[in-house]
Amino acid sequence: MKNCSVLAEALQEVVEQNIFEYIQQIDMDEEYIFSPKFEKKMQKLIASRKKSYFNLVCTTSRKIACIMVACTVLGIGTLNADALGQFCDFIVRHFAFHDEIILESSSDLTTTIEKEYVLGNIPKGFVLKDYQKEDGSIYYSYKDSKNGFIIFFQHSKDNYICRFDTTRSTQSEFIDDDGTKYLIYTIDSGKTDNADHAVIWQNEEYVFEIYSNLSEKEMINLSKSLTEKQ
């Protein structure tokens, strides 16, 4: 125990001295700015928190972030972050409390949206309530008179990432006749008679997402109705 105390004191002296020397080297009069890439990411994050779908997707509690940081620092493998599944270029990383979906590609990914797509078979009774086009992302929100909702996204592929709280959702996949693979998340909505669903897929240029309380079959049919906007 005595040796541990001596080691701790020595480390403290070294760390404090290094930090002090570093602070002394900082030019307090110099103006620092964030990179354009960082600013772009922050703008997307701030915009996403304002959307009605945010609580549907980002329901993981803050303690998950703390656990992930702790495991990274301590080198503990409690979060099994191996890529357990790959769908087209989608990599699904399974953690203790959530799944993380990213794109893995050796080619350049799209950074802007030059070609806009829409859902062709919106069910009867649904009305477009919101539309937003931002840098690298397009958002549609539909609602009906019975609390039904459809949220549709088109994303550029650069830096694509999506997370799902697996404590209240399950993941599956569907492969279409033409080989298109769909990631499907069934989300516990707290209702006994229905569940929310998320469907994620891609074409050669973009990633698409639909969030809705429609049935899984209706969601798949809706995904298949994707067409280029005229």
Protein backbone atom coordinates (compact mmCIF):
# COMPACT_ATOMS: atom_id res chain seq x y z
CA MET A 1 0.00 0.00 0.00
CA LYS A 2 2.90 2.31 0.81
CA ASN A 3 4.44 1.72 -2.62
CA CYS A 4 1.09 2.52 -4.23
CA SER A 5 0.89 5.81 -2.34
CA VAL A 6 4.39 6.76 -3.43
CA LEU A 7 3.56 5.94 -7.04
CA ALA A 8 0.34 7.96 -6.88
CA GLU A 9 2.16 10.98 -5.48
CA ALA A 10 4.84 10.74 -8.17
CA LEU A 11 2.24 10.52 -10.95
CA GLN A 12 0.37 13.48 -9.53
CA GLU A 13 3.52 15.60 -9.52
CA VAL A 14 4.34 14.70 -13.13
CA VAL A 15 0.81 15.22 -14.43
CA GLU A 16 0.34 18.53 -12.66
CA GLN A 17 3.71 19.77 -13.90
CA ASN A 18 2.96 18.77 -17.50
CA ILE A 19 -0.46 20.42 -17.40
CA PHE A 20 1.04 23.61 -15.95
CA GLU A 21 3.71 23.71 -18.68
CA TYR A 22 1.07 23.16 -21.37
CA ILE A 23 -1.14 25.96 -20.07
CA GLN A 24 1.83 28.30 -20.04
CA GLN A 25 2.39 27.63 -23.77
CA ILE A 26 -1.18 28.56 -24.78
CA ASP A 27 -1.54 31.93 -26.45
CA MET A 28 -4.63 33.36 -24.80
CA ASP A 29 -4.80 36.20 -27.33
CA GLU A 30 -5.05 33.87 -30.31
CA GLU A 31 -8.53 33.26 -31.69
CA TYR A 32 -9.56 29.64 -32.07
CA ILE A 33 -12.40 28.39 -34.27
CA PHE A 34 -13.95 24.99 -34.94
CA SER A 35 -13.32 23.29 -38.26
CA PRO A 36 -16.08 23.49 -40.91
CA LYS A 37 -16.53 19.70 -40.67
CA PHE A 38 -17.12 19.92 -36.91
CA GLU A 39 -19.51 22.84 -37.32
CA LYS A 40 -21.49 20.84 -39.90
CA LYS A 41 -21.82 17.88 -37.54
CA MET A 42 -22.96 20.10 -34.68
CA GLN A 43 -25.56 21.81 -36.85
CA LYS A 44 -26.99 18.42 -37.84
CA LEU A 45 -27.07 17.29 -34.20
CA ILE A 46 -28.83 20.45 -33.01
CA ALA A 47 -31.35 20.22 -35.84
CA SER A 48 -32.06 16.54 -35.14
CA ARG A 49 -32.87 17.22 -31.48
CA LYS A 50 -35.68 19.52 -32.58
CA LYS A 51 -37.38 16.85 -34.68
CA SER A 52 -40.37 14.87 -33.43
CA TYR A 53 -38.59 11.57 -34.09
CA PHE A 54 -35.70 12.31 -31.72
CA ASN A 55 -37.22 10.63 -28.65
CA LEU A 56 -38.23 7.64 -30.77
CA VAL A 57 -34.65 6.88 -31.81
CA CYS A 58 -32.43 8.44 -29.15
CA THR A 59 -33.96 6.93 -26.01
CA THR A 60 -30.73 5.53 -24.54
CA SER A 61 -30.06 7.06 -21.14
CA ARG A 62 -26.99 9.13 -20.32
CA LYS A 63 -25.55 6.35 -18.19
CA ILE A 64 -24.74 4.38 -21.36
CA ALA A 65 -22.29 7.06 -22.40
CA CYS A 66 -20.65 6.90 -18.97
CA ILE A 67 -20.34 3.13 -19.15
CA MET A 68 -18.84 3.29 -22.63
CA VAL A 69 -16.23 5.83 -21.53
CA ALA A 70 -15.37 3.81 -18.45
CA CYS A 71 -14.92 0.62 -20.46
CA THR A 72 -12.73 2.39 -22.98
CA VAL A 73 -10.46 3.80 -20.29
CA LEU A 74 -10.23 0.61 -18.25
CA GLY A 75 -10.01 -1.75 -21.21
CA ILE A 76 -12.97 -3.83 -20.03
CA GLY A 77 -14.76 -5.76 -22.75
CA THR A 78 -18.25 -5.56 -21.29
CA LEU A 79 -19.55 -3.81 -24.40
CA ASN A 80 -19.34 -6.39 -27.13
CA ALA A 81 -18.61 -3.99 -29.98
CA ASP A 82 -17.77 -6.58 -32.61
CA ALA A 83 -19.50 -6.10 -35.93
CA LEU A 84 -21.94 -8.98 -35.67
CA GLY A 85 -23.85 -8.23 -38.81
CA GLN A 86 -23.33 -6.56 -42.15
CA PHE A 87 -26.15 -5.56 -44.50
CA CYS A 88 -24.87 -4.30 -47.85
CA ASP A 89 -22.46 -1.62 -46.67
CA PHE A 90 -24.20 -1.33 -43.31
CA ILE A 91 -22.22 -2.42 -40.27
CA VAL A 92 -24.29 -3.08 -37.16
CA ARG A 93 -22.29 -2.86 -33.94
CA HIS A 94 -24.06 -4.48 -30.97
CA PHE A 95 -23.36 -2.84 -27.61
CA ALA A 96 -24.81 -3.66 -24.22
CA PHE A 97 -27.77 -1.30 -24.46
CA HIS A 98 -27.87 -0.08 -28.05
CA ASP A 99 -27.03 -0.86 -31.67
CA GLU A 100 -24.91 1.49 -33.74
CA ILE A 101 -25.34 1.47 -37.52
CA ILE A 102 -22.59 2.87 -39.72
CA LEU A 103 -21.53 2.63 -43.34
CA GLU A 104 -18.32 0.97 -44.39
CA SER A 105 -17.13 1.60 -47.92
CA SER A 106 -13.83 1.83 -49.73
CA SER A 107 -15.26 4.32 -52.24
CA ASP A 108 -16.06 7.99 -51.78
CA LEU A 109 -19.42 8.58 -50.14
CA THR A 110 -21.92 11.23 -51.17
CA THR A 111 -21.73 14.43 -49.16
CA THR A 112 -24.66 16.35 -50.63
CA ILE A 113 -28.10 15.52 -52.02
CA GLU A 114 -28.29 16.22 -55.73
CA LYS A 115 -31.23 13.91 -56.44
CA GLU A 116 -34.28 13.94 -54.18
CA TYR A 117 -36.51 10.92 -53.53
CA VAL A 118 -40.06 10.60 -52.17
CA LEU A 119 -42.36 7.81 -50.97
CA GLY A 120 -44.86 7.04 -53.70
CA ASN A 121 -47.57 5.20 -51.73
CA ILE A 122 -48.36 7.31 -48.69
CA PRO A 123 -51.47 5.70 -47.12
CA LYS A 124 -54.81 7.43 -47.47
CA GLY A 125 -55.53 9.93 -44.71
CA PHE A 126 -51.92 10.94 -44.09
CA VAL A 127 -51.09 14.61 -44.66
CA LEU A 128 -47.67 16.20 -45.04
CA LYS A 129 -47.04 18.27 -41.90
CA ASP A 130 -43.38 19.18 -42.20
CA TYR A 131 -40.65 19.25 -44.82
CA GLN A 132 -37.07 20.37 -44.30
CA LYS A 133 -34.04 20.21 -46.54
CA GLU A 134 -30.68 20.72 -44.93
CA ASP A 135 -27.10 20.12 -45.91
CA GLY A 136 -26.94 16.39 -46.60
CA SER A 137 -30.39 15.54 -45.23
CA ILE A 138 -34.08 15.77 -46.21
CA TYR A 139 -36.94 15.27 -43.76
CA TYR A 140 -40.65 14.57 -44.35
CA SER A 141 -43.26 14.21 -41.60
CA TYR A 142 -46.78 12.89 -42.25
CA LYS A 143 -49.67 12.49 -39.79
CA ASP A 144 -53.27 11.33 -39.91
CA SER A 145 -56.32 11.97 -37.72
CA LYS A 146 -55.78 8.75 -35.72
CA ASN A 147 -52.34 9.60 -34.29
CA GLY A 148 -50.61 7.73 -37.08
CA PHE A 149 -47.26 9.10 -38.17
CA ILE A 150 -44.71 8.54 -40.93
CA ILE A 151 -41.28 10.14 -40.80
CA PHE A 152 -39.09 9.77 -43.87
CA PHE A 153 -35.42 10.68 -44.24
CA GLN A 154 -33.00 10.84 -47.10
CA HIS A 155 -29.34 11.18 -46.08
CA SER A 156 -26.07 11.62 -47.89
CA LYS A 157 -23.75 8.74 -47.02
CA ASP A 158 -20.86 10.68 -45.53
CA ASN A 159 -20.48 10.15 -41.78
CA TYR A 160 -23.81 8.30 -41.59
CA ILE A 161 -24.55 6.89 -38.14
CA CYS A 162 -27.74 5.81 -36.40
CA ARG A 163 -28.34 4.37 -32.92
CA PHE A 164 -31.21 2.35 -31.47
CA ASP A 165 -31.97 1.62 -27.84
CA THR A 166 -32.02 -2.19 -27.76
CA THR A 167 -33.57 -2.28 -24.29
CA ARG A 168 -36.88 -1.52 -25.98
CA SER A 169 -36.36 -2.63 -29.58
CA THR A 170 -35.47 -5.72 -31.61
CA GLN A 171 -33.67 -5.91 -34.94
CA SER A 172 -34.37 -8.03 -38.00
CA GLU A 173 -33.81 -7.81 -41.75
CA PHE A 174 -35.71 -8.25 -44.98
CA ILE A 175 -34.24 -8.99 -48.41
CA ASP A 176 -36.27 -7.90 -51.42
CA ASP A 177 -36.51 -9.87 -54.67
CA ASP A 178 -34.04 -7.45 -56.29
CA GLY A 179 -31.50 -8.04 -53.50
CA THR A 180 -32.14 -4.83 -51.57
CA LYS A 181 -31.60 -5.39 -47.85
CA TYR A 182 -33.67 -3.58 -45.25
CA LEU A 183 -32.75 -3.19 -41.59
CA ILE A 184 -35.89 -3.30 -39.45
CA TYR A 185 -36.22 -2.24 -35.83
CA THR A 186 -39.41 -3.00 -33.94
CA ILE A 187 -39.68 -0.51 -31.09
CA ASP A 188 -41.78 -0.99 -27.98
CA SER A 189 -44.13 1.99 -28.00
CA GLY A 190 -45.69 1.17 -24.63
CA LYS A 191 -48.96 0.21 -26.31
CA THR A 192 -50.32 -3.33 -26.12
CA ASP A 193 -51.94 -3.26 -29.54
CA ASN A 194 -49.19 -1.72 -31.63
CA ALA A 195 -45.47 -1.07 -31.97
CA ASP A 196 -43.38 1.49 -33.76
CA HIS A 197 -41.06 0.43 -36.56
CA ALA A 198 -37.98 1.77 -38.26
CA VAL A 199 -36.78 0.67 -41.70
CA ILE A 200 -33.34 1.60 -43.04
CA TRP A 201 -32.01 0.88 -46.54
CA GLN A 202 -29.89 2.43 -49.27
CA ASN A 203 -29.33 2.77 -52.97
CA GLU A 204 -26.05 3.58 -54.69
CA GLU A 205 -26.07 7.21 -53.55
CA TYR A 206 -28.15 7.72 -50.42
CA VAL A 207 -29.41 6.21 -47.17
CA PHE A 208 -33.15 6.21 -46.42
CA GLU A 209 -35.05 5.82 -43.14
CA ILE A 210 -38.72 5.50 -42.29
CA TYR A 211 -40.10 5.70 -38.74
CA SER A 212 -43.78 4.95 -38.22
CA ASN A 213 -46.44 3.19 -36.17
CA LEU A 214 -47.64 1.36 -39.28
CA SER A 215 -47.26 -2.41 -39.38
CA GLU A 216 -43.99 -3.95 -40.53
CA LYS A 217 -45.60 -5.16 -43.77
CA GLU A 218 -46.95 -1.67 -44.51
CA MET A 219 -43.53 -0.20 -43.80
CA ILE A 220 -41.82 -2.54 -46.25
CA ASN A 221 -44.39 -1.78 -48.96
CA LEU A 222 -43.91 1.92 -48.30
CA SER A 223 -40.14 1.53 -48.62
CA LYS A 224 -40.56 -0.24 -51.96
CA SER A 225 -42.55 2.73 -53.28
CA LEU A 226 -39.47 4.97 -53.17
CA THR A 227 -39.23 7.01 -56.35
CA GLU A 228 -37.24 9.95 -57.65
CA LYS A 229 -38.98 13.28 -57.10
CA GLN A 230 -40.11 14.89 -60.34
